[in-house]
Amino acid sequence: MSIVSYRKLIVWQRSIELVVAIYELTKRFPMNEQFGLTAHIRKTSISIPSNIAEGKYRWTAKEYGRFLRIAYASGAELETQIIISKRTMSLPHDAYQKVDQLLDEVMRMLNSMLTRLYVG
């Protein structure tokens, strides 16, 4: 496995965009959610690019795959939290459009990377 900076990975770049979009979205959440759903959603979104980056600098494909799986699982957790926020916050559903699109894109890329890593 060649060591290429995680910053060059499109999936990492898109996941950073996702974090920024999450912060923009959660700024619109009520203040009483600051230490509840807002904090959880932000932390979960940050976990995705963080695990991609950490995994990229691990020494074996097995370790890299482990961190990609953690990032993928964080994506599923984030998706669940977004669904909860859509049902509990009074924001219009179009407010979630960018987050939904980026999360879908990141999850597809992670799935593809994991498939190639374990099949190839």
PDB file of N, CA and C in Angstrom:
ATOM      1  N   MET A   1       0.859  -1.177   0.000  1.00  0.00           N
ATOM      2  CA  MET A   1       0.000   0.000   0.000  1.00  0.00           C
ATOM      3  C   MET A   1       0.903   1.238   0.000  1.00  0.00           C
ATOM      4  N   SER A   2       0.741   2.069  -0.998  1.00  0.00           N
ATOM      5  CA  SER A   2       1.563   3.272  -1.072  1.00  0.00           C
ATOM      6  C   SER A   2       1.016   4.332  -0.121  1.00  0.00           C
ATOM      7  N   ILE A   3       1.934   5.109   0.419  1.00  0.00           N
ATOM      8  CA  ILE A   3       1.533   6.167   1.345  1.00  0.00           C
ATOM      9  C   ILE A   3       1.330   7.443   0.530  1.00  0.00           C
ATOM     10  N   VAL A   4       0.079   7.785   0.358  1.00  0.00           N
ATOM     11  CA  VAL A   4      -0.314   9.026  -0.285  1.00  0.00           C
ATOM     12  C   VAL A   4      -1.061   9.801   0.783  1.00  0.00           C
ATOM     13  N   SER A   5      -0.882  11.081   0.827  1.00  0.00           N
ATOM     14  CA  SER A   5      -1.546  11.875   1.847  1.00  0.00           C
ATOM     15  C   SER A   5      -3.057  11.680   1.804  1.00  0.00           C
ATOM     16  N   TYR A   6      -3.648  11.544   2.960  1.00  0.00           N
ATOM     17  CA  TYR A   6      -5.105  11.417   3.048  1.00  0.00           C
ATOM     18  C   TYR A   6      -5.792  12.648   2.470  1.00  0.00           C
ATOM     19  N   ARG A   7      -5.091  13.779   2.458  1.00  0.00           N
ATOM     20  CA  ARG A   7      -5.675  15.018   1.921  1.00  0.00           C
ATOM     21  C   ARG A   7      -5.956  14.924   0.424  1.00  0.00           C
ATOM     22  N   LYS A   8      -5.297  14.004  -0.248  1.00  0.00           N
ATOM     23  CA  LYS A   8      -5.526  13.820  -1.683  1.00  0.00           C
ATOM     24  C   LYS A   8      -6.701  12.901  -1.967  1.00  0.00           C
ATOM     25  N   LEU A   9      -7.217  12.238  -0.953  1.00  0.00           N
ATOM     26  CA  LEU A   9      -8.355  11.343  -1.149  1.00  0.00           C
ATOM     27  C   LEU A   9      -9.640  12.158  -1.318  1.00  0.00           C
ATOM     28  N   ILE A  10     -10.348  11.911  -2.406  1.00  0.00           N
ATOM     29  CA  ILE A  10     -11.605  12.618  -2.669  1.00  0.00           C
ATOM     30  C   ILE A  10     -12.594  12.355  -1.541  1.00  0.00           C
ATOM     31  N   VAL A  11     -12.621  11.143  -1.021  1.00  0.00           N
ATOM     32  CA  VAL A  11     -13.555  10.812   0.053  1.00  0.00           C
ATOM     33  C   VAL A  11     -13.264  11.643   1.302  1.00  0.00           C
ATOM     34  N   TRP A  12     -12.001  11.879   1.591  1.00  0.00           N
ATOM     35  CA  TRP A  12     -11.655  12.720   2.742  1.00  0.00           C
ATOM     36  C   TRP A  12     -12.082  14.165   2.472  1.00  0.00           C
ATOM     37  N   GLN A  13     -11.811  14.660   1.258  1.00  0.00           N
ATOM     38  CA  GLN A  13     -12.192  16.026   0.909  1.00  0.00           C
ATOM     39  C   GLN A  13     -13.702  16.234   1.014  1.00  0.00           C
ATOM     40  N   ARG A  14     -14.479  15.267   0.495  1.00  0.00           N
ATOM     41  CA  ARG A  14     -15.940  15.373   0.567  1.00  0.00           C
ATOM     42  C   ARG A  14     -16.428  15.264   2.008  1.00  0.00           C
ATOM     43  N   SER A  15     -15.761  14.444   2.801  1.00  0.00           N
ATOM     44  CA  SER A  15     -16.193  14.313   4.195  1.00  0.00           C
ATOM     45  C   SER A  15     -15.900  15.595   4.983  1.00  0.00           C
ATOM     46  N   ILE A  16     -14.858  16.317   4.618  1.00  0.00           N
ATOM     47  CA  ILE A  16     -14.605  17.633   5.223  1.00  0.00           C
ATOM     48  C   ILE A  16     -15.720  18.597   4.815  1.00  0.00           C
ATOM     49  N   GLU A  17     -16.111  18.567   3.542  1.00  0.00           N
ATOM     50  CA  GLU A  17     -17.242  19.388   3.094  1.00  0.00           C
ATOM     51  C   GLU A  17     -18.505  19.035   3.876  1.00  0.00           C
ATOM     52  N   LEU A  18     -18.682  17.749   4.157  1.00  0.00           N
ATOM     53  CA  LEU A  18     -19.835  17.292   4.938  1.00  0.00           C
ATOM     54  C   LEU A  18     -19.801  17.893   6.342  1.00  0.00           C
ATOM     55  N   VAL A  19     -18.653  17.895   6.976  1.00  0.00           N
ATOM     56  CA  VAL A  19     -18.527  18.488   8.314  1.00  0.00           C
ATOM     57  C   VAL A  19     -18.916  19.962   8.278  1.00  0.00           C
ATOM     58  N   VAL A  20     -18.423  20.687   7.293  1.00  0.00           N
ATOM     59  CA  VAL A  20     -18.756  22.111   7.170  1.00  0.00           C
ATOM     60  C   VAL A  20     -20.266  22.283   6.977  1.00  0.00           C
ATOM     61  N   ALA A  21     -20.861  21.450   6.133  1.00  0.00           N
ATOM     62  CA  ALA A  21     -22.310  21.521   5.904  1.00  0.00           C
ATOM     63  C   ALA A  21     -23.089  21.189   7.178  1.00  0.00           C
ATOM     64  N   ILE A  22     -22.583  20.242   7.953  1.00  0.00           N
ATOM     65  CA  ILE A  22     -23.222  19.880   9.224  1.00  0.00           C
ATOM     66  C   ILE A  22     -23.173  21.066  10.184  1.00  0.00           C
ATOM     67  N   TYR A  23     -22.047  21.730  10.265  1.00  0.00           N
ATOM     68  CA  TYR A  23     -21.939  22.897  11.146  1.00  0.00           C
ATOM     69  C   TYR A  23     -22.904  23.997  10.709  1.00  0.00           C
ATOM     70  N   GLU A  24     -23.007  24.217   9.405  1.00  0.00           N
ATOM     71  CA  GLU A  24     -23.942  25.235   8.905  1.00  0.00           C
ATOM     72  C   GLU A  24     -25.386  24.850   9.244  1.00  0.00           C
ATOM     73  N   LEU A  25     -25.720  23.589   9.065  1.00  0.00           N
ATOM     74  CA  LEU A  25     -27.074  23.114   9.371  1.00  0.00           C
ATOM     75  C   LEU A  25     -27.387  23.239  10.854  1.00  0.00           C
ATOM     76  N   THR A  26     -26.465  22.773  11.690  1.00  0.00           N
ATOM     77  CA  THR A  26     -26.743  22.742  13.130  1.00  0.00           C
ATOM     78  C   THR A  26     -26.736  24.125  13.774  1.00  0.00           C
ATOM     79  N   LYS A  27     -26.184  25.118  13.098  1.00  0.00           N
ATOM     80  CA  LYS A  27     -26.298  26.495  13.586  1.00  0.00           C
ATOM     81  C   LYS A  27     -27.762  26.928  13.630  1.00  0.00           C
ATOM     82  N   ARG A  28     -28.581  26.274  12.831  1.00  0.00           N
ATOM     83  CA  ARG A  28     -29.998  26.598  12.752  1.00  0.00           C
ATOM     84  C   ARG A  28     -30.838  25.841  13.792  1.00  0.00           C
ATOM     85  N   PHE A  29     -30.222  24.899  14.490  1.00  0.00           N
ATOM     86  CA  PHE A  29     -30.939  24.150  15.526  1.00  0.00           C
ATOM     87  C   PHE A  29     -31.189  25.059  16.731  1.00  0.00           C
ATOM     88  N   PRO A  30     -32.208  24.763  17.517  1.00  0.00           N
ATOM     89  CA  PRO A  30     -32.478  25.567  18.715  1.00  0.00           C
ATOM     90  C   PRO A  30     -31.317  25.512  19.711  1.00  0.00           C
ATOM     91  N   MET A  31     -31.131  26.578  20.454  1.00  0.00           N
ATOM     92  CA  MET A  31     -30.047  26.636  21.447  1.00  0.00           C
ATOM     93  C   MET A  31     -30.162  25.528  22.495  1.00  0.00           C
ATOM     94  N   ASN A  32     -31.379  25.120  22.823  1.00  0.00           N
ATOM     95  CA  ASN A  32     -31.524  24.073  23.838  1.00  0.00           C
ATOM     96  C   ASN A  32     -31.017  22.717  23.348  1.00  0.00           C
ATOM     97  N   GLU A  33     -30.664  22.604  22.084  1.00  0.00           N
ATOM     98  CA  GLU A  33     -30.083  21.370  21.542  1.00  0.00           C
ATOM     99  C   GLU A  33     -28.561  21.435  21.461  1.00  0.00           C
ATOM    100  N   GLN A  34     -27.974  22.538  21.914  1.00  0.00           N
ATOM    101  CA  GLN A  34     -26.533  22.731  21.790  1.00  0.00           C
ATOM    102  C   GLN A  34     -25.728  21.579  22.390  1.00  0.00           C
ATOM    103  N   PHE A  35     -26.168  21.050  23.518  1.00  0.00           N
ATOM    104  CA  PHE A  35     -25.424  19.968  24.169  1.00  0.00           C
ATOM    105  C   PHE A  35     -26.083  18.616  23.942  1.00  0.00           C
ATOM    106  N   GLY A  36     -27.103  18.588  23.110  1.00  0.00           N
ATOM    107  CA  GLY A  36     -27.797  17.348  22.786  1.00  0.00           C
ATOM    108  C   GLY A  36     -27.477  16.909  21.375  1.00  0.00           C
ATOM    109  N   LEU A  37     -28.492  16.937  20.542  1.00  0.00           N
ATOM    110  CA  LEU A  37     -28.353  16.453  19.178  1.00  0.00           C
ATOM    111  C   LEU A  37     -27.299  17.226  18.378  1.00  0.00           C
ATOM    112  N   THR A  38     -27.204  18.521  18.573  1.00  0.00           N
ATOM    113  CA  THR A  38     -26.210  19.323  17.846  1.00  0.00           C
ATOM    114  C   THR A  38     -24.800  18.801  18.104  1.00  0.00           C
ATOM    115  N   ALA A  39     -24.469  18.604  19.360  1.00  0.00           N
ATOM    116  CA  ALA A  39     -23.124  18.120  19.722  1.00  0.00           C
ATOM    117  C   ALA A  39     -22.873  16.726  19.167  1.00  0.00           C
ATOM    118  N   HIS A  40     -23.865  15.848  19.249  1.00  0.00           N
ATOM    119  CA  HIS A  40     -23.703  14.478  18.749  1.00  0.00           C
ATOM    120  C   HIS A  40     -23.505  14.462  17.238  1.00  0.00           C
ATOM    121  N   ILE A  41     -24.319  15.231  16.530  1.00  0.00           N
ATOM    122  CA  ILE A  41     -24.211  15.266  15.070  1.00  0.00           C
ATOM    123  C   ILE A  41     -22.846  15.810  14.644  1.00  0.00           C
ATOM    124  N   ARG A  42     -22.402  16.863  15.291  1.00  0.00           N
ATOM    125  CA  ARG A  42     -21.099  17.438  14.934  1.00  0.00           C
ATOM    126  C   ARG A  42     -19.968  16.452  15.218  1.00  0.00           C
ATOM    127  N   LYS A  43     -19.995  15.830  16.382  1.00  0.00           N
ATOM    128  CA  LYS A  43     -18.944  14.878  16.749  1.00  0.00           C
ATOM    129  C   LYS A  43     -18.916  13.693  15.779  1.00  0.00           C
ATOM    130  N   THR A  44     -20.086  13.189  15.444  1.00  0.00           N
ATOM    131  CA  THR A  44     -20.159  12.048  14.535  1.00  0.00           C
ATOM    132  C   THR A  44     -19.634  12.419  13.161  1.00  0.00           C
ATOM    133  N   SER A  45     -19.986  13.615  12.671  1.00  0.00           N
ATOM    134  CA  SER A  45     -19.516  14.017  11.344  1.00  0.00           C
ATOM    135  C   SER A  45     -17.998  14.163  11.322  1.00  0.00           C
ATOM    136  N   ILE A  46     -17.436  14.687  12.381  1.00  0.00           N
ATOM    137  CA  ILE A  46     -15.980  14.851  12.475  1.00  0.00           C
ATOM    138  C   ILE A  46     -15.271  13.504  12.492  1.00  0.00           C
ATOM    139  N   SER A  47     -15.923  12.499  13.022  1.00  0.00           N
ATOM    140  CA  SER A  47     -15.341  11.162  13.101  1.00  0.00           C
ATOM    141  C   SER A  47     -15.047  10.567  11.722  1.00  0.00           C
ATOM    142  N   ILE A  48     -15.841  10.935  10.732  1.00  0.00           N
ATOM    143  CA  ILE A  48     -15.670  10.341   9.400  1.00  0.00           C
ATOM    144  C   ILE A  48     -14.317  10.718   8.780  1.00  0.00           C
ATOM    145  N   PRO A  49     -14.016  12.012   8.558  1.00  0.00           N
ATOM    146  CA  PRO A  49     -12.705  12.317   7.963  1.00  0.00           C
ATOM    147  C   PRO A  49     -11.537  11.990   8.898  1.00  0.00           C
ATOM    148  N   SER A  50     -11.780  12.047  10.200  1.00  0.00           N
ATOM    149  CA  SER A  50     -10.712  11.728  11.156  1.00  0.00           C
ATOM    150  C   SER A  50     -10.279  10.272  11.025  1.00  0.00           C
ATOM    151  N   ASN A  51     -11.237   9.368  10.895  1.00  0.00           N
ATOM    152  CA  ASN A  51     -10.899   7.954  10.757  1.00  0.00           C
ATOM    153  C   ASN A  51     -10.308   7.631   9.393  1.00  0.00           C
ATOM    154  N   ILE A  52     -10.761   8.322   8.365  1.00  0.00           N
ATOM    155  CA  ILE A  52     -10.155   8.141   7.042  1.00  0.00           C
ATOM    156  C   ILE A  52      -8.679   8.546   7.107  1.00  0.00           C
ATOM    157  N   ALA A  53      -8.405   9.693   7.727  1.00  0.00           N
ATOM    158  CA  ALA A  53      -7.027  10.187   7.831  1.00  0.00           C
ATOM    159  C   ALA A  53      -6.163   9.248   8.665  1.00  0.00           C
ATOM    160  N   GLU A  54      -6.665   8.855   9.834  1.00  0.00           N
ATOM    161  CA  GLU A  54      -5.871   7.973  10.688  1.00  0.00           C
ATOM    162  C   GLU A  54      -5.604   6.640  10.009  1.00  0.00           C
ATOM    163  N   GLY A  55      -6.629   6.089   9.382  1.00  0.00           N
ATOM    164  CA  GLY A  55      -6.472   4.808   8.705  1.00  0.00           C
ATOM    165  C   GLY A  55      -5.477   4.863   7.560  1.00  0.00           C
ATOM    166  N   LYS A  56      -5.454   5.986   6.861  1.00  0.00           N
ATOM    167  CA  LYS A  56      -4.547   6.112   5.716  1.00  0.00           C
ATOM    168  C   LYS A  56      -3.087   5.990   6.134  1.00  0.00           C
ATOM    169  N   TYR A  57      -2.766   6.400   7.336  1.00  0.00           N
ATOM    170  CA  TYR A  57      -1.385   6.332   7.793  1.00  0.00           C
ATOM    171  C   TYR A  57      -1.076   5.101   8.636  1.00  0.00           C
ATOM    172  N   ARG A  58      -1.982   4.155   8.645  1.00  0.00           N
ATOM    173  CA  ARG A  58      -1.685   2.872   9.280  1.00  0.00           C
ATOM    174  C   ARG A  58      -0.833   2.049   8.318  1.00  0.00           C
ATOM    175  N   TRP A  59      -0.118   1.074   8.845  1.00  0.00           N
ATOM    176  CA  TRP A  59       0.890   0.384   8.045  1.00  0.00           C
ATOM    177  C   TRP A  59       0.381  -0.789   7.228  1.00  0.00           C
ATOM    178  N   THR A  60      -0.797  -1.287   7.526  1.00  0.00           N
ATOM    179  CA  THR A  60      -1.282  -2.438   6.764  1.00  0.00           C
ATOM    180  C   THR A  60      -2.655  -2.156   6.179  1.00  0.00           C
ATOM    181  N   ALA A  61      -2.969  -2.874   5.124  1.00  0.00           N
ATOM    182  CA  ALA A  61      -4.286  -2.746   4.499  1.00  0.00           C
ATOM    183  C   ALA A  61      -5.377  -3.160   5.483  1.00  0.00           C
ATOM    184  N   LYS A  62      -5.079  -4.130   6.323  1.00  0.00           N
ATOM    185  CA  LYS A  62      -6.060  -4.584   7.313  1.00  0.00           C
ATOM    186  C   LYS A  62      -6.411  -3.451   8.289  1.00  0.00           C
ATOM    187  N   GLU A  63      -5.395  -2.744   8.770  1.00  0.00           N
ATOM    188  CA  GLU A  63      -5.643  -1.621   9.682  1.00  0.00           C
ATOM    189  C   GLU A  63      -6.375  -0.488   8.962  1.00  0.00           C
ATOM    190  N   TYR A  64      -5.961  -0.209   7.739  1.00  0.00           N
ATOM    191  CA  TYR A  64      -6.622   0.827   6.947  1.00  0.00           C
ATOM    192  C   TYR A  64      -8.104   0.489   6.789  1.00  0.00           C
ATOM    193  N   GLY A  65      -8.374  -0.761   6.441  1.00  0.00           N
ATOM    194  CA  GLY A  65      -9.756  -1.213   6.290  1.00  0.00           C
ATOM    195  C   GLY A  65     -10.554  -1.068   7.569  1.00  0.00           C
ATOM    196  N   ARG A  66      -9.913  -1.339   8.685  1.00  0.00           N
ATOM    197  CA  ARG A  66     -10.596  -1.200   9.981  1.00  0.00           C
ATOM    198  C   ARG A  66     -11.054   0.238  10.202  1.00  0.00           C
ATOM    199  N   PHE A  67     -10.199   1.191   9.897  1.00  0.00           N
ATOM    200  CA  PHE A  67     -10.561   2.597  10.088  1.00  0.00           C
ATOM    201  C   PHE A  67     -11.580   3.068   9.050  1.00  0.00           C
ATOM    202  N   LEU A  68     -11.512   2.529   7.842  1.00  0.00           N
ATOM    203  CA  LEU A  68     -12.540   2.852   6.850  1.00  0.00           C
ATOM    204  C   LEU A  68     -13.900   2.314   7.296  1.00  0.00           C
ATOM    205  N   ARG A  69     -13.903   1.127   7.903  1.00  0.00           N
ATOM    206  CA  ARG A  69     -15.165   0.566   8.432  1.00  0.00           C
ATOM    207  C   ARG A  69     -15.699   1.433   9.562  1.00  0.00           C
ATOM    208  N   ILE A  70     -14.817   1.949  10.405  1.00  0.00           N
ATOM    209  CA  ILE A  70     -15.249   2.843  11.487  1.00  0.00           C
ATOM    210  C   ILE A  70     -15.847   4.116  10.891  1.00  0.00           C
ATOM    211  N   ALA A  71     -15.208   4.668   9.869  1.00  0.00           N
ATOM    212  CA  ALA A  71     -15.731   5.868   9.199  1.00  0.00           C
ATOM    213  C   ALA A  71     -17.101   5.573   8.590  1.00  0.00           C
ATOM    214  N   TYR A  72     -17.239   4.398   7.979  1.00  0.00           N
ATOM    215  CA  TYR A  72     -18.509   4.000   7.368  1.00  0.00           C
ATOM    216  C   TYR A  72     -19.594   3.857   8.436  1.00  0.00           C
ATOM    217  N   ALA A  73     -19.244   3.264   9.551  1.00  0.00           N
ATOM    218  CA  ALA A  73     -20.195   3.114  10.657  1.00  0.00           C
ATOM    219  C   ALA A  73     -20.588   4.482  11.216  1.00  0.00           C
ATOM    220  N   SER A  74     -19.642   5.398  11.286  1.00  0.00           N
ATOM    221  CA  SER A  74     -19.962   6.760  11.728  1.00  0.00           C
ATOM    222  C   SER A  74     -20.921   7.423  10.750  1.00  0.00           C
ATOM    223  N   GLY A  75     -20.769   7.129   9.480  1.00  0.00           N
ATOM    224  CA  GLY A  75     -21.693   7.648   8.477  1.00  0.00           C
ATOM    225  C   GLY A  75     -23.111   7.146   8.714  1.00  0.00           C
ATOM    226  N   ALA A  76     -23.240   5.865   9.066  1.00  0.00           N
ATOM    227  CA  ALA A  76     -24.562   5.310   9.373  1.00  0.00           C
ATOM    228  C   ALA A  76     -25.134   5.951  10.633  1.00  0.00           C
ATOM    229  N   GLU A  77     -24.277   6.174  11.613  1.00  0.00           N
ATOM    230  CA  GLU A  77     -24.708   6.846  12.842  1.00  0.00           C
ATOM    231  C   GLU A  77     -25.180   8.269  12.526  1.00  0.00           C
ATOM    232  N   LEU A  78     -24.419   8.971  11.686  1.00  0.00           N
ATOM    233  CA  LEU A  78     -24.789  10.332  11.302  1.00  0.00           C
ATOM    234  C   LEU A  78     -26.120  10.337  10.549  1.00  0.00           C
ATOM    235  N   GLU A  79     -26.292   9.387   9.658  1.00  0.00           N
ATOM    236  CA  GLU A  79     -27.545   9.290   8.914  1.00  0.00           C
ATOM    237  C   GLU A  79     -28.729   9.132   9.864  1.00  0.00           C
ATOM    238  N   THR A  80     -28.567   8.314  10.872  1.00  0.00           N
ATOM    239  CA  THR A  80     -29.613   8.115  11.875  1.00  0.00           C
ATOM    240  C   THR A  80     -29.898   9.409  12.629  1.00  0.00           C
ATOM    241  N   GLN A  81     -28.859  10.114  13.021  1.00  0.00           N
ATOM    242  CA  GLN A  81     -29.031  11.375  13.745  1.00  0.00           C
ATOM    243  C   GLN A  81     -29.704  12.435  12.873  1.00  0.00           C
ATOM    244  N   ILE A  82     -29.401  12.435  11.586  1.00  0.00           N
ATOM    245  CA  ILE A  82     -30.043  13.370  10.658  1.00  0.00           C
ATOM    246  C   ILE A  82     -31.531  13.039  10.550  1.00  0.00           C
ATOM    247  N   ILE A  83     -31.871  11.771  10.462  1.00  0.00           N
ATOM    248  CA  ILE A  83     -33.278  11.362  10.405  1.00  0.00           C
ATOM    249  C   ILE A  83     -34.006  11.830  11.661  1.00  0.00           C
ATOM    250  N   ILE A  84     -33.379  11.651  12.810  1.00  0.00           N
ATOM    251  CA  ILE A  84     -33.985  12.098  14.068  1.00  0.00           C
ATOM    252  C   ILE A  84     -34.187  13.609  14.051  1.00  0.00           C
ATOM    253  N   SER A  85     -33.171  14.343  13.585  1.00  0.00           N
ATOM    254  CA  SER A  85     -33.297  15.800  13.570  1.00  0.00           C
ATOM    255  C   SER A  85     -34.385  16.255  12.600  1.00  0.00           C
ATOM    256  N   LYS A  86     -34.536  15.561  11.480  1.00  0.00           N
ATOM    257  CA  LYS A  86     -35.605  15.910  10.540  1.00  0.00           C
ATOM    258  C   LYS A  86     -36.979  15.741  11.183  1.00  0.00           C
ATOM    259  N   ARG A  87     -37.089  14.769  12.064  1.00  0.00           N
ATOM    260  CA  ARG A  87     -38.373  14.491  12.711  1.00  0.00           C
ATOM    261  C   ARG A  87     -38.630  15.356  13.939  1.00  0.00           C
ATOM    262  N   THR A  88     -37.564  15.903  14.523  1.00  0.00           N
ATOM    263  CA  THR A  88     -37.743  16.649  15.770  1.00  0.00           C
ATOM    264  C   THR A  88     -37.502  18.149  15.654  1.00  0.00           C
ATOM    265  N   MET A  89     -36.790  18.581  14.640  1.00  0.00           N
ATOM    266  CA  MET A  89     -36.518  20.010  14.456  1.00  0.00           C
ATOM    267  C   MET A  89     -37.567  20.584  13.513  1.00  0.00           C
ATOM    268  N   SER A  90     -37.777  21.847  13.618  1.00  0.00           N
ATOM    269  CA  SER A  90     -38.789  22.483  12.764  1.00  0.00           C
ATOM    270  C   SER A  90     -38.158  23.156  11.549  1.00  0.00           C
ATOM    271  N   LEU A  91     -37.114  22.556  11.012  1.00  0.00           N
ATOM    272  CA  LEU A  91     -36.478  23.087   9.808  1.00  0.00           C
ATOM    273  C   LEU A  91     -37.129  22.466   8.574  1.00  0.00           C
ATOM    274  N   PRO A  92     -37.190  23.207   7.481  1.00  0.00           N
ATOM    275  CA  PRO A  92     -37.717  22.607   6.250  1.00  0.00           C
ATOM    276  C   PRO A  92     -36.766  21.512   5.757  1.00  0.00           C
ATOM    277  N   HIS A  93     -37.320  20.497   5.131  1.00  0.00           N
ATOM    278  CA  HIS A  93     -36.489  19.379   4.675  1.00  0.00           C
ATOM    279  C   HIS A  93     -35.445  19.793   3.639  1.00  0.00           C
ATOM    280  N   ASP A  94     -35.684  20.869   2.904  1.00  0.00           N
ATOM    281  CA  ASP A  94     -34.677  21.306   1.939  1.00  0.00           C
ATOM    282  C   ASP A  94     -33.431  21.874   2.622  1.00  0.00           C
ATOM    283  N   ALA A  95     -33.524  22.183   3.914  1.00  0.00           N
ATOM    284  CA  ALA A  95     -32.352  22.639   4.667  1.00  0.00           C
ATOM    285  C   ALA A  95     -31.308  21.524   4.772  1.00  0.00           C
ATOM    286  N   TYR A  96     -31.759  20.292   4.594  1.00  0.00           N
ATOM    287  CA  TYR A  96     -30.883  19.120   4.717  1.00  0.00           C
ATOM    288  C   TYR A  96     -30.313  18.663   3.378  1.00  0.00           C
ATOM    289  N   GLN A  97     -30.680  19.317   2.305  1.00  0.00           N
ATOM    290  CA  GLN A  97     -30.330  18.848   0.963  1.00  0.00           C
ATOM    291  C   GLN A  97     -28.823  18.641   0.779  1.00  0.00           C
ATOM    292  N   LYS A  98     -28.017  19.625   1.142  1.00  0.00           N
ATOM    293  CA  LYS A  98     -26.564  19.522   0.942  1.00  0.00           C
ATOM    294  C   LYS A  98     -25.977  18.412   1.816  1.00  0.00           C
ATOM    295  N   VAL A  99     -26.413  18.352   3.064  1.00  0.00           N
ATOM    296  CA  VAL A  99     -25.931  17.306   3.978  1.00  0.00           C
ATOM    297  C   VAL A  99     -26.297  15.921   3.444  1.00  0.00           C
ATOM    298  N   ASP A 100     -27.538  15.758   3.017  1.00  0.00           N
ATOM    299  CA  ASP A 100     -27.980  14.468   2.487  1.00  0.00           C
ATOM    300  C   ASP A 100     -27.158  14.049   1.276  1.00  0.00           C
ATOM    301  N   GLN A 101     -26.911  15.001   0.372  1.00  0.00           N
ATOM    302  CA  GLN A 101     -26.159  14.700  -0.842  1.00  0.00           C
ATOM    303  C   GLN A 101     -24.713  14.320  -0.519  1.00  0.00           C
ATOM    304  N   LEU A 102     -24.075  15.087   0.343  1.00  0.00           N
ATOM    305  CA  LEU A 102     -22.679  14.802   0.694  1.00  0.00           C
ATOM    306  C   LEU A 102     -22.546  13.499   1.469  1.00  0.00           C
ATOM    307  N   LEU A 103     -23.453  13.252   2.391  1.00  0.00           N
ATOM    308  CA  LEU A 103     -23.392  12.005   3.161  1.00  0.00           C
ATOM    309  C   LEU A 103     -23.574  10.805   2.238  1.00  0.00           C
ATOM    310  N   ASP A 104     -24.516  10.885   1.311  1.00  0.00           N
ATOM    311  CA  ASP A 104     -24.721   9.791   0.358  1.00  0.00           C
ATOM    312  C   ASP A 104     -23.453   9.557  -0.468  1.00  0.00           C
ATOM    313  N   GLU A 105     -22.845  10.634  -0.933  1.00  0.00           N
ATOM    314  CA  GLU A 105     -21.632  10.526  -1.740  1.00  0.00           C
ATOM    315  C   GLU A 105     -20.476   9.902  -0.944  1.00  0.00           C
ATOM    316  N   VAL A 106     -20.284  10.358   0.283  1.00  0.00           N
ATOM    317  CA  VAL A 106     -19.207   9.831   1.127  1.00  0.00           C
ATOM    318  C   VAL A 106     -19.443   8.346   1.420  1.00  0.00           C
ATOM    319  N   MET A 107     -20.678   7.983   1.729  1.00  0.00           N
ATOM    320  CA  MET A 107     -20.976   6.581   2.043  1.00  0.00           C
ATOM    321  C   MET A 107     -20.738   5.683   0.832  1.00  0.00           C
ATOM    322  N   ARG A 108     -21.099   6.157  -0.343  1.00  0.00           N
ATOM    323  CA  ARG A 108     -20.862   5.371  -1.564  1.00  0.00           C
ATOM    324  C   ARG A 108     -19.357   5.184  -1.805  1.00  0.00           C
ATOM    325  N   MET A 109     -18.597   6.250  -1.614  1.00  0.00           N
ATOM    326  CA  MET A 109     -17.148   6.156  -1.814  1.00  0.00           C
ATOM    327  C   MET A 109     -16.509   5.204  -0.809  1.00  0.00           C
ATOM    328  N   LEU A 110     -16.915   5.316   0.454  1.00  0.00           N
ATOM    329  CA  LEU A 110     -16.364   4.410   1.470  1.00  0.00           C
ATOM    330  C   LEU A 110     -16.715   2.967   1.155  1.00  0.00           C
ATOM    331  N   ASN A 111     -17.943   2.734   0.753  1.00  0.00           N
ATOM    332  CA  ASN A 111     -18.365   1.382   0.395  1.00  0.00           C
ATOM    333  C   ASN A 111     -17.524   0.844  -0.758  1.00  0.00           C
ATOM    334  N   SER A 112     -17.291   1.675  -1.751  1.00  0.00           N
ATOM    335  CA  SER A 112     -16.471   1.276  -2.895  1.00  0.00           C
ATOM    336  C   SER A 112     -15.034   0.977  -2.470  1.00  0.00           C
ATOM    337  N   MET A 113     -14.477   1.817  -1.622  1.00  0.00           N
ATOM    338  CA  MET A 113     -13.107   1.600  -1.151  1.00  0.00           C
ATOM    339  C   MET A 113     -12.999   0.298  -0.368  1.00  0.00           C
ATOM    340  N   LEU A 114     -13.969   0.061   0.496  1.00  0.00           N
ATOM    341  CA  LEU A 114     -13.957  -1.168   1.291  1.00  0.00           C
ATOM    342  C   LEU A 114     -14.110  -2.399   0.406  1.00  0.00           C
ATOM    343  N   THR A 115     -14.965  -2.309  -0.580  1.00  0.00           N
ATOM    344  CA  THR A 115     -15.154  -3.441  -1.507  1.00  0.00           C
ATOM    345  C   THR A 115     -13.866  -3.741  -2.249  1.00  0.00           C
ATOM    346  N   ARG A 116     -13.207  -2.691  -2.761  1.00  0.00           N
ATOM    347  CA  ARG A 116     -11.937  -2.895  -3.480  1.00  0.00           C
ATOM    348  C   ARG A 116     -10.840  -3.430  -2.555  1.00  0.00           C
ATOM    349  N   LEU A 117     -10.807  -2.941  -1.340  1.00  0.00           N
ATOM    350  CA  LEU A 117      -9.780  -3.347  -0.392  1.00  0.00           C
ATOM    351  C   LEU A 117      -9.899  -4.825  -0.033  1.00  0.00           C
ATOM    352  N   TYR A 118     -11.130  -5.292   0.109  1.00  0.00           N
ATOM    353  CA  TYR A 118     -11.336  -6.675   0.536  1.00  0.00           C
ATOM    354  C   TYR A 118     -11.545  -7.656  -0.587  1.00  0.00           C
ATOM    355  N   VAL A 119     -11.806  -7.159  -1.795  1.00  0.00           N
ATOM    356  CA  VAL A 119     -11.954  -8.045  -2.942  1.00  0.00           C
ATOM    357  C   VAL A 119     -10.641  -8.095  -3.725  1.00  0.00           C
ATOM    358  N   GLY A 120      -9.986  -6.931  -3.799  1.00  0.00           N
ATOM    359  CA  GLY A 120      -8.772  -6.822  -4.604  1.00  0.00           C
ATOM    360  C   GLY A 120      -7.625  -7.251  -3.861  1.00  0.00           C
TER     361      GLY A 120
END
